[in-house]
N, C-alpha and C. Protein backbone atom coordinates (compact mmCIF):
# COMPACT_ATOMS: atom_id res chain seq x y z
N UNK A 1 2.69 31.12 7.60
CA UNK A 1 4.12 31.25 7.40
C UNK A 1 4.38 31.36 5.91
N UNK A 2 5.22 32.28 5.53
CA UNK A 2 5.49 32.50 4.11
C UNK A 2 6.36 31.37 3.55
N UNK A 3 6.33 31.24 2.23
CA UNK A 3 7.12 30.20 1.56
C UNK A 3 8.61 30.40 1.83
N UNK A 4 9.01 31.64 1.90
CA UNK A 4 10.42 31.94 2.15
C UNK A 4 10.85 31.44 3.53
N UNK A 5 9.99 31.68 4.53
CA UNK A 5 10.30 31.22 5.89
C UNK A 5 10.29 29.70 5.96
N UNK A 6 9.31 29.08 5.27
CA UNK A 6 9.25 27.62 5.25
C UNK A 6 10.49 27.03 4.60
N UNK A 7 10.93 27.62 3.51
CA UNK A 7 12.13 27.15 2.82
C UNK A 7 13.35 27.28 3.72
N UNK A 8 13.46 28.42 4.39
CA UNK A 8 14.59 28.64 5.29
C UNK A 8 14.56 27.63 6.43
N UNK A 9 13.36 27.43 7.04
CA UNK A 9 13.24 26.48 8.13
C UNK A 9 13.58 25.07 7.67
N UNK A 10 13.11 24.69 6.49
CA UNK A 10 13.43 23.37 5.94
C UNK A 10 14.93 23.21 5.72
N UNK A 11 15.57 24.24 5.21
CA UNK A 11 17.02 24.20 4.98
C UNK A 11 17.77 24.04 6.30
N UNK A 12 17.32 24.75 7.33
CA UNK A 12 17.97 24.65 8.64
C UNK A 12 17.81 23.24 9.20
N UNK A 13 16.61 22.68 9.08
CA UNK A 13 16.37 21.32 9.59
C UNK A 13 17.25 20.31 8.86
N UNK A 14 17.30 20.41 7.54
CA UNK A 14 18.14 19.50 6.75
C UNK A 14 19.61 19.66 7.16
N UNK A 15 20.05 20.89 7.32
CA UNK A 15 21.44 21.15 7.73
C UNK A 15 21.72 20.50 9.07
N UNK A 16 20.83 20.67 10.05
CA UNK A 16 21.03 20.08 11.37
C UNK A 16 21.05 18.55 11.31
N UNK A 17 20.18 17.99 10.47
CA UNK A 17 20.16 16.53 10.33
C UNK A 17 21.47 16.03 9.72
N UNK A 18 21.95 16.71 8.70
CA UNK A 18 23.21 16.32 8.07
C UNK A 18 24.35 16.45 9.06
N UNK A 19 24.36 17.54 9.82
CA UNK A 19 25.43 17.74 10.80
C UNK A 19 25.41 16.65 11.87
N UNK A 20 24.21 16.30 12.35
CA UNK A 20 24.14 15.26 13.38
C UNK A 20 24.53 13.90 12.81
N UNK A 21 24.14 13.62 11.57
CA UNK A 21 24.54 12.37 10.93
C UNK A 21 26.05 12.34 10.72
N UNK A 22 26.62 13.46 10.30
CA UNK A 22 28.06 13.55 10.09
C UNK A 22 28.80 13.30 11.39
N UNK A 23 28.32 13.91 12.48
CA UNK A 23 29.01 13.71 13.75
C UNK A 23 28.85 12.28 14.23
N UNK A 24 27.70 11.68 13.99
CA UNK A 24 27.49 10.30 14.39
C UNK A 24 28.41 9.37 13.59
N UNK A 25 28.51 9.60 12.29
CA UNK A 25 29.35 8.76 11.45
C UNK A 25 30.82 8.95 11.78
N UNK A 26 31.21 10.18 12.09
CA UNK A 26 32.61 10.40 12.41
C UNK A 26 32.95 9.80 13.77
N UNK A 27 31.99 9.73 14.69
CA UNK A 27 32.25 9.12 15.99
C UNK A 27 32.44 7.62 15.85
N UNK A 28 31.73 7.03 14.96
CA UNK A 28 31.90 5.62 14.68
C UNK A 28 31.49 5.39 13.23
N UNK A 29 32.21 4.53 12.57
CA UNK A 29 31.89 4.27 11.18
C UNK A 29 30.73 3.30 11.11
N UNK A 30 29.69 3.69 10.43
CA UNK A 30 28.50 2.86 10.30
C UNK A 30 28.60 2.04 9.02
N UNK A 31 28.24 0.80 9.13
CA UNK A 31 28.19 -0.07 7.96
C UNK A 31 26.74 -0.08 7.49
N UNK A 32 26.52 0.35 6.25
CA UNK A 32 25.18 0.53 5.71
C UNK A 32 25.01 -0.31 4.45
N UNK A 33 23.84 -0.89 4.31
CA UNK A 33 23.51 -1.66 3.11
C UNK A 33 22.09 -1.35 2.69
N UNK A 34 21.73 -1.82 1.51
CA UNK A 34 20.35 -1.64 1.07
C UNK A 34 19.87 -2.88 0.33
N UNK A 35 18.56 -3.00 0.26
CA UNK A 35 17.90 -4.12 -0.41
C UNK A 35 17.04 -3.56 -1.53
N UNK A 36 17.15 -4.14 -2.71
CA UNK A 36 16.32 -3.75 -3.84
C UNK A 36 15.04 -4.59 -3.79
N UNK A 37 13.94 -3.96 -3.41
CA UNK A 37 12.66 -4.66 -3.25
C UNK A 37 12.24 -5.38 -4.52
N UNK A 38 12.41 -4.73 -5.65
CA UNK A 38 11.97 -5.32 -6.92
C UNK A 38 12.76 -6.60 -7.23
N UNK A 39 14.00 -6.61 -6.88
CA UNK A 39 14.83 -7.81 -7.10
C UNK A 39 14.33 -8.96 -6.21
N UNK A 40 13.96 -8.63 -4.98
CA UNK A 40 13.41 -9.65 -4.07
C UNK A 40 12.12 -10.22 -4.68
N UNK A 41 11.22 -9.33 -5.10
CA UNK A 41 9.94 -9.78 -5.66
C UNK A 41 10.15 -10.64 -6.91
N UNK A 42 11.15 -10.28 -7.70
CA UNK A 42 11.39 -10.98 -8.95
C UNK A 42 12.04 -12.36 -8.73
N UNK A 43 12.87 -12.50 -7.69
CA UNK A 43 13.65 -13.72 -7.54
C UNK A 43 13.28 -14.60 -6.34
N UNK A 44 12.43 -14.10 -5.45
CA UNK A 44 12.00 -14.88 -4.29
C UNK A 44 10.83 -15.76 -4.72
N UNK A 45 11.07 -17.08 -4.80
CA UNK A 45 10.09 -18.01 -5.37
C UNK A 45 8.74 -17.97 -4.63
N UNK A 46 8.77 -17.85 -3.32
CA UNK A 46 7.51 -17.78 -2.57
C UNK A 46 6.73 -16.53 -2.97
N UNK A 47 7.42 -15.44 -3.25
CA UNK A 47 6.76 -14.20 -3.67
C UNK A 47 6.11 -14.41 -5.05
N UNK A 48 6.84 -15.10 -5.92
CA UNK A 48 6.30 -15.36 -7.26
C UNK A 48 5.04 -16.22 -7.19
N UNK A 49 5.06 -17.23 -6.31
CA UNK A 49 3.87 -18.09 -6.15
C UNK A 49 2.70 -17.27 -5.61
N UNK A 50 2.97 -16.42 -4.64
CA UNK A 50 1.91 -15.57 -4.08
C UNK A 50 1.36 -14.62 -5.15
N UNK A 51 2.24 -14.09 -5.99
CA UNK A 51 1.81 -13.18 -7.05
C UNK A 51 0.91 -13.90 -8.06
N UNK A 52 1.29 -15.14 -8.39
CA UNK A 52 0.47 -15.93 -9.32
C UNK A 52 -0.91 -16.18 -8.73
N UNK A 53 -0.96 -16.54 -7.46
CA UNK A 53 -2.25 -16.77 -6.81
C UNK A 53 -3.06 -15.47 -6.77
N UNK A 54 -2.41 -14.35 -6.46
CA UNK A 54 -3.08 -13.05 -6.43
C UNK A 54 -3.67 -12.73 -7.81
N UNK A 55 -2.88 -12.95 -8.85
CA UNK A 55 -3.34 -12.65 -10.21
C UNK A 55 -4.58 -13.48 -10.57
N UNK A 56 -4.60 -14.76 -10.17
CA UNK A 56 -5.76 -15.61 -10.44
C UNK A 56 -7.01 -15.09 -9.72
N UNK A 57 -6.82 -14.75 -8.44
CA UNK A 57 -7.95 -14.23 -7.66
C UNK A 57 -8.47 -12.93 -8.27
N UNK A 58 -7.55 -12.03 -8.58
CA UNK A 58 -7.94 -10.73 -9.12
C UNK A 58 -8.67 -10.89 -10.45
N UNK A 59 -8.20 -11.81 -11.28
CA UNK A 59 -8.86 -12.04 -12.57
C UNK A 59 -10.29 -12.53 -12.36
N UNK A 60 -10.50 -13.41 -11.41
CA UNK A 60 -11.85 -13.92 -11.12
C UNK A 60 -12.75 -12.77 -10.65
N UNK A 61 -12.24 -11.90 -9.78
CA UNK A 61 -13.03 -10.76 -9.31
C UNK A 61 -13.33 -9.80 -10.46
N UNK A 62 -12.33 -9.55 -11.28
CA UNK A 62 -12.52 -8.65 -12.42
C UNK A 62 -13.54 -9.23 -13.41
N UNK A 63 -13.45 -10.54 -13.66
CA UNK A 63 -14.40 -11.18 -14.58
C UNK A 63 -15.82 -11.08 -14.05
N UNK A 64 -15.98 -11.28 -12.76
CA UNK A 64 -17.31 -11.18 -12.14
C UNK A 64 -17.84 -9.75 -12.26
N UNK A 65 -16.99 -8.76 -12.00
CA UNK A 65 -17.40 -7.35 -12.12
C UNK A 65 -17.76 -7.01 -13.57
N UNK A 66 -16.99 -7.53 -14.50
CA UNK A 66 -17.26 -7.30 -15.93
C UNK A 66 -18.61 -7.91 -16.33
N UNK A 67 -18.89 -9.09 -15.84
CA UNK A 67 -20.17 -9.74 -16.12
C UNK A 67 -21.32 -8.91 -15.57
N UNK A 68 -21.18 -8.45 -14.34
CA UNK A 68 -22.22 -7.61 -13.73
C UNK A 68 -22.39 -6.30 -14.51
N UNK A 69 -21.28 -5.73 -14.95
CA UNK A 69 -21.33 -4.48 -15.72
C UNK A 69 -22.05 -4.70 -17.06
N UNK A 70 -21.76 -5.80 -17.73
CA UNK A 70 -22.41 -6.11 -19.01
C UNK A 70 -23.92 -6.32 -18.82
N UNK A 71 -24.28 -7.02 -17.76
CA UNK A 71 -25.71 -7.23 -17.48
C UNK A 71 -26.41 -5.89 -17.27
N UNK A 72 -25.77 -5.00 -16.56
CA UNK A 72 -26.34 -3.67 -16.34
C UNK A 72 -26.48 -2.91 -17.65
N UNK A 73 -25.45 -2.94 -18.46
CA UNK A 73 -25.48 -2.24 -19.75
C UNK A 73 -26.58 -2.79 -20.66
N UNK A 74 -26.74 -4.11 -20.65
CA UNK A 74 -27.79 -4.74 -21.47
C UNK A 74 -29.17 -4.29 -20.98
N UNK A 75 -29.34 -4.23 -19.68
CA UNK A 75 -30.61 -3.79 -19.11
C UNK A 75 -30.91 -2.34 -19.48
N UNK A 76 -29.90 -1.49 -19.41
CA UNK A 76 -30.06 -0.08 -19.77
C UNK A 76 -30.37 0.04 -21.26
N UNK A 77 -29.65 -0.69 -22.10
CA UNK A 77 -29.89 -0.64 -23.56
C UNK A 77 -31.33 -1.07 -23.88
N UNK A 78 -31.75 -2.15 -23.26
CA UNK A 78 -33.10 -2.65 -23.49
C UNK A 78 -34.14 -1.60 -23.07
N UNK A 79 -33.91 -0.99 -21.94
CA UNK A 79 -34.82 0.05 -21.45
C UNK A 79 -34.86 1.23 -22.42
N UNK A 80 -33.69 1.68 -22.87
CA UNK A 80 -33.62 2.83 -23.78
C UNK A 80 -34.38 2.55 -25.09
N UNK A 81 -34.31 1.32 -25.57
CA UNK A 81 -34.99 0.96 -26.81
C UNK A 81 -36.51 0.90 -26.62
N UNK A 82 -36.94 0.53 -25.42
CA UNK A 82 -38.36 0.29 -25.19
C UNK A 82 -39.08 1.42 -24.46
N UNK A 83 -38.38 2.38 -23.93
CA UNK A 83 -39.01 3.33 -23.02
C UNK A 83 -40.13 4.16 -23.65
N UNK A 84 -40.08 4.38 -24.95
CA UNK A 84 -41.13 5.16 -25.61
C UNK A 84 -42.46 4.41 -25.69
N UNK A 85 -42.38 3.09 -25.70
CA UNK A 85 -43.61 2.31 -25.83
C UNK A 85 -44.06 1.69 -24.50
N UNK A 86 -43.28 1.87 -23.44
CA UNK A 86 -43.63 1.28 -22.15
C UNK A 86 -44.62 2.16 -21.39
N UNK A 87 -45.46 1.50 -20.63
CA UNK A 87 -46.37 2.24 -19.75
C UNK A 87 -45.55 2.82 -18.59
N UNK A 88 -46.13 3.77 -17.88
CA UNK A 88 -45.41 4.39 -16.74
C UNK A 88 -45.04 3.34 -15.70
N UNK A 89 -45.94 2.40 -15.45
CA UNK A 89 -45.66 1.34 -14.47
C UNK A 89 -44.49 0.47 -14.92
N UNK A 90 -44.46 0.12 -16.19
CA UNK A 90 -43.36 -0.70 -16.73
C UNK A 90 -42.04 0.09 -16.71
N UNK A 91 -42.11 1.38 -17.01
CA UNK A 91 -40.90 2.22 -16.95
C UNK A 91 -40.33 2.22 -15.55
N UNK A 92 -41.21 2.44 -14.58
CA UNK A 92 -40.77 2.46 -13.17
C UNK A 92 -40.18 1.11 -12.77
N UNK A 93 -40.81 0.05 -13.25
CA UNK A 93 -40.34 -1.31 -12.95
C UNK A 93 -38.93 -1.52 -13.53
N UNK A 94 -38.75 -1.15 -14.79
CA UNK A 94 -37.43 -1.30 -15.45
C UNK A 94 -36.39 -0.40 -14.78
N UNK A 95 -36.76 0.83 -14.45
CA UNK A 95 -35.83 1.76 -13.79
C UNK A 95 -35.41 1.21 -12.43
N UNK A 96 -36.34 0.62 -11.72
CA UNK A 96 -36.03 0.00 -10.42
C UNK A 96 -35.06 -1.17 -10.61
N UNK A 97 -35.29 -1.96 -11.67
CA UNK A 97 -34.40 -3.09 -11.95
C UNK A 97 -33.00 -2.59 -12.29
N UNK A 98 -32.92 -1.48 -13.04
CA UNK A 98 -31.62 -0.90 -13.39
C UNK A 98 -30.91 -0.41 -12.13
N UNK A 99 -31.65 0.30 -11.27
CA UNK A 99 -31.05 0.79 -10.00
C UNK A 99 -30.55 -0.37 -9.15
N UNK A 100 -31.35 -1.44 -9.09
CA UNK A 100 -30.96 -2.61 -8.29
C UNK A 100 -29.68 -3.23 -8.85
N UNK A 101 -29.59 -3.35 -10.18
CA UNK A 101 -28.36 -3.89 -10.80
C UNK A 101 -27.16 -3.00 -10.51
N UNK A 102 -27.37 -1.68 -10.62
CA UNK A 102 -26.29 -0.73 -10.37
C UNK A 102 -25.83 -0.82 -8.91
N UNK A 103 -26.80 -0.90 -8.00
CA UNK A 103 -26.47 -1.02 -6.58
C UNK A 103 -25.73 -2.32 -6.28
N UNK A 104 -26.15 -3.39 -6.94
CA UNK A 104 -25.49 -4.69 -6.76
C UNK A 104 -24.04 -4.62 -7.25
N UNK A 105 -23.84 -3.97 -8.40
CA UNK A 105 -22.48 -3.80 -8.93
C UNK A 105 -21.63 -2.96 -7.99
N UNK A 106 -22.20 -1.86 -7.52
CA UNK A 106 -21.47 -0.99 -6.58
C UNK A 106 -21.12 -1.73 -5.30
N UNK A 107 -22.08 -2.50 -4.78
CA UNK A 107 -21.84 -3.26 -3.55
C UNK A 107 -20.74 -4.29 -3.76
N UNK A 108 -20.79 -4.97 -4.90
CA UNK A 108 -19.76 -5.97 -5.22
C UNK A 108 -18.38 -5.31 -5.29
N UNK A 109 -18.31 -4.18 -5.97
CA UNK A 109 -17.03 -3.47 -6.12
C UNK A 109 -16.49 -3.05 -4.75
N UNK A 110 -17.37 -2.51 -3.90
CA UNK A 110 -16.93 -2.11 -2.54
C UNK A 110 -16.48 -3.32 -1.74
N UNK A 111 -17.26 -4.42 -1.83
CA UNK A 111 -16.93 -5.63 -1.08
C UNK A 111 -15.55 -6.17 -1.46
N UNK A 112 -15.25 -6.15 -2.75
CA UNK A 112 -13.98 -6.71 -3.22
C UNK A 112 -12.84 -5.71 -3.09
N UNK A 113 -13.04 -4.50 -3.65
CA UNK A 113 -11.93 -3.56 -3.78
C UNK A 113 -11.95 -2.40 -2.78
N UNK A 114 -12.99 -2.29 -2.00
CA UNK A 114 -13.08 -1.19 -1.04
C UNK A 114 -12.12 -1.39 0.12
N UNK A 115 -11.97 -0.34 0.95
CA UNK A 115 -11.11 -0.45 2.14
C UNK A 115 -11.56 -1.62 3.02
N UNK A 116 -10.62 -2.45 3.41
CA UNK A 116 -10.93 -3.62 4.23
C UNK A 116 -11.66 -4.71 3.47
N UNK A 117 -11.69 -4.60 2.14
CA UNK A 117 -12.41 -5.56 1.31
C UNK A 117 -11.66 -6.86 1.11
N UNK A 118 -12.28 -7.71 0.35
CA UNK A 118 -11.74 -9.05 0.09
C UNK A 118 -10.34 -8.99 -0.52
N UNK A 119 -10.13 -8.08 -1.47
CA UNK A 119 -8.82 -7.99 -2.13
C UNK A 119 -7.73 -7.59 -1.14
N UNK A 120 -8.03 -6.61 -0.32
CA UNK A 120 -7.04 -6.15 0.68
C UNK A 120 -6.71 -7.28 1.66
N UNK A 121 -7.73 -7.99 2.11
CA UNK A 121 -7.52 -9.09 3.06
C UNK A 121 -6.70 -10.21 2.42
N UNK A 122 -7.03 -10.52 1.15
CA UNK A 122 -6.31 -11.59 0.46
C UNK A 122 -4.84 -11.22 0.25
N UNK A 123 -4.61 -9.96 -0.11
CA UNK A 123 -3.23 -9.53 -0.31
C UNK A 123 -2.45 -9.61 1.01
N UNK A 124 -3.07 -9.20 2.10
CA UNK A 124 -2.40 -9.30 3.40
C UNK A 124 -2.13 -10.75 3.75
N UNK A 125 -3.08 -11.62 3.45
CA UNK A 125 -2.91 -13.05 3.72
C UNK A 125 -1.75 -13.62 2.91
N UNK A 126 -1.63 -13.21 1.66
CA UNK A 126 -0.58 -13.74 0.80
C UNK A 126 0.79 -13.11 1.08
N UNK A 127 0.81 -11.79 1.25
CA UNK A 127 2.07 -11.06 1.32
C UNK A 127 2.58 -10.87 2.74
N UNK A 128 1.67 -10.78 3.71
CA UNK A 128 2.07 -10.52 5.09
C UNK A 128 3.17 -11.45 5.61
N UNK A 129 2.96 -12.76 5.53
CA UNK A 129 3.99 -13.69 6.00
C UNK A 129 5.31 -13.55 5.22
N UNK A 130 5.21 -13.24 3.93
CA UNK A 130 6.43 -13.09 3.13
C UNK A 130 7.22 -11.86 3.57
N UNK A 131 6.52 -10.77 3.87
CA UNK A 131 7.20 -9.56 4.35
C UNK A 131 7.89 -9.82 5.68
N UNK A 132 7.23 -10.60 6.54
CA UNK A 132 7.86 -10.97 7.81
C UNK A 132 9.14 -11.76 7.56
N UNK A 133 9.08 -12.71 6.63
CA UNK A 133 10.26 -13.51 6.30
C UNK A 133 11.39 -12.65 5.72
N UNK A 134 11.02 -11.73 4.83
CA UNK A 134 12.03 -10.83 4.25
C UNK A 134 12.67 -10.00 5.35
N UNK A 135 11.86 -9.49 6.27
CA UNK A 135 12.40 -8.67 7.35
C UNK A 135 13.33 -9.49 8.25
N UNK A 136 12.95 -10.74 8.53
CA UNK A 136 13.81 -11.62 9.33
C UNK A 136 15.14 -11.87 8.61
N UNK A 137 15.07 -12.08 7.30
CA UNK A 137 16.28 -12.31 6.52
C UNK A 137 17.18 -11.07 6.52
N UNK A 138 16.57 -9.90 6.40
CA UNK A 138 17.34 -8.65 6.44
C UNK A 138 18.05 -8.52 7.78
N UNK A 139 17.31 -8.77 8.86
CA UNK A 139 17.91 -8.67 10.19
C UNK A 139 19.04 -9.68 10.37
N UNK A 140 18.84 -10.91 9.87
CA UNK A 140 19.88 -11.94 9.99
C UNK A 140 21.14 -11.52 9.22
N UNK A 141 20.96 -11.00 8.01
CA UNK A 141 22.10 -10.54 7.22
C UNK A 141 22.80 -9.38 7.93
N UNK A 142 22.02 -8.50 8.53
CA UNK A 142 22.60 -7.35 9.25
C UNK A 142 23.45 -7.82 10.42
N UNK A 143 22.91 -8.74 11.20
CA UNK A 143 23.63 -9.22 12.38
C UNK A 143 24.87 -10.02 11.98
N UNK A 144 24.73 -10.91 10.98
CA UNK A 144 25.87 -11.72 10.54
C UNK A 144 26.94 -10.87 9.87
N UNK A 145 26.52 -9.85 9.11
CA UNK A 145 27.47 -9.03 8.36
C UNK A 145 27.97 -7.81 9.11
N UNK A 146 27.48 -7.61 10.33
CA UNK A 146 27.92 -6.46 11.10
C UNK A 146 27.39 -5.12 10.56
N UNK A 147 26.26 -5.15 9.90
CA UNK A 147 25.66 -3.92 9.38
C UNK A 147 24.97 -3.16 10.50
N UNK A 148 25.11 -1.85 10.48
CA UNK A 148 24.40 -1.02 11.44
C UNK A 148 23.04 -0.61 10.89
N UNK A 149 22.96 -0.43 9.59
CA UNK A 149 21.71 -0.02 8.94
C UNK A 149 21.58 -0.75 7.61
N UNK A 150 20.41 -1.35 7.40
CA UNK A 150 20.05 -1.87 6.09
C UNK A 150 18.66 -1.30 5.80
N UNK A 151 18.54 -0.64 4.69
CA UNK A 151 17.24 -0.09 4.32
C UNK A 151 16.82 -0.67 2.99
N UNK A 152 15.54 -0.55 2.70
CA UNK A 152 15.02 -1.02 1.43
C UNK A 152 14.70 0.20 0.57
N UNK A 153 14.66 0.01 -0.71
CA UNK A 153 14.42 1.12 -1.61
C UNK A 153 12.97 1.55 -1.66
N UNK A 154 12.02 0.64 -1.34
CA UNK A 154 10.61 0.99 -1.49
C UNK A 154 9.72 0.62 -0.32
N UNK A 155 9.90 -0.52 0.27
CA UNK A 155 8.88 -1.05 1.18
C UNK A 155 8.90 -0.49 2.59
N UNK A 156 9.99 0.10 3.01
CA UNK A 156 10.06 0.59 4.39
C UNK A 156 10.52 -0.48 5.36
N UNK A 157 10.74 -1.69 4.88
CA UNK A 157 11.31 -2.71 5.74
C UNK A 157 12.78 -2.40 5.92
N UNK A 158 13.40 -3.01 6.86
CA UNK A 158 14.82 -2.81 7.01
C UNK A 158 15.29 -3.16 8.41
N UNK A 159 16.50 -2.75 8.70
CA UNK A 159 17.11 -3.02 9.99
C UNK A 159 17.95 -1.81 10.38
N UNK A 160 17.85 -1.42 11.64
CA UNK A 160 18.72 -0.39 12.20
C UNK A 160 19.20 -0.90 13.54
N UNK A 161 20.50 -0.85 13.74
CA UNK A 161 21.09 -1.27 14.99
C UNK A 161 20.42 -0.49 16.12
N UNK A 162 19.89 -1.19 17.12
CA UNK A 162 19.18 -0.51 18.21
C UNK A 162 20.05 0.52 18.96
N UNK A 163 21.36 0.39 18.87
CA UNK A 163 22.22 1.35 19.56
C UNK A 163 22.12 2.75 18.97
N UNK A 164 21.55 2.87 17.76
CA UNK A 164 21.36 4.18 17.14
C UNK A 164 20.08 4.87 17.60
N UNK A 165 19.27 4.18 18.38
CA UNK A 165 18.00 4.72 18.86
C UNK A 165 18.23 5.95 19.73
N UNK A 166 17.61 7.05 19.37
CA UNK A 166 17.75 8.30 20.14
C UNK A 166 16.38 8.87 20.54
N UNK A 167 15.35 8.05 20.46
CA UNK A 167 14.00 8.53 20.78
C UNK A 167 13.91 9.06 22.20
N UNK A 168 14.47 8.35 23.17
CA UNK A 168 14.41 8.80 24.57
C UNK A 168 15.10 10.15 24.74
N UNK A 169 16.24 10.33 24.07
CA UNK A 169 16.94 11.61 24.16
C UNK A 169 16.09 12.74 23.58
N UNK A 170 15.41 12.46 22.47
CA UNK A 170 14.55 13.48 21.86
C UNK A 170 13.39 13.80 22.79
N UNK A 171 12.79 12.79 23.40
CA UNK A 171 11.70 13.03 24.34
C UNK A 171 12.17 13.84 25.54
N UNK A 172 13.37 13.50 26.07
CA UNK A 172 13.92 14.28 27.18
C UNK A 172 14.12 15.73 26.77
N UNK A 173 14.63 15.94 25.58
CA UNK A 173 14.86 17.29 25.10
C UNK A 173 13.54 18.05 24.95
N UNK A 174 12.53 17.35 24.44
CA UNK A 174 11.22 17.96 24.31
C UNK A 174 10.64 18.35 25.66
N UNK A 175 10.83 17.49 26.66
CA UNK A 175 10.35 17.81 28.02
C UNK A 175 11.06 19.05 28.57
N UNK A 176 12.35 19.17 28.31
CA UNK A 176 13.11 20.36 28.74
C UNK A 176 12.59 21.62 28.06
N UNK A 177 12.15 21.47 26.82
CA UNK A 177 11.66 22.61 26.07
C UNK A 177 10.34 23.15 26.61
N UNK A 178 9.56 22.29 27.26
CA UNK A 178 8.24 22.71 27.77
C UNK A 178 8.33 23.62 28.92
């Protein structure tokens, strides 16, 4: 599909979305609010405590990685200085030691910072319950304040009045299209 057709199709979709939102809003006035995620992170004391704990953990992991990196660099430097006078067996031995150090550093980095690693798990442990609490607070404010929609600026958390749900209608329409 050409860029021109894609642009036209995108414009049509945006137009239809705006028209449907306009008709929905004109049928009933929606009360909408938003939450500034950064303000929550800055002023929610439990979030600040979790951030402090995260920073301590991350510093320990970074320090350990730095130590491993320095050990590797020292081993490489020593090898480079001595390789001209080493026997082939000693060269192979030192090269194997360097590879082992490099592999250990790589394994450590993957274990801590890789997908599903220690850092990811720790962050979920620290932040997961807080996000649940923030979401509960957003929903409580929405219900108490009569808000139909509350969205956040960054996190994707929020609240939408279930009466605005149109998924079933879209699915029915899709079935008719088949």
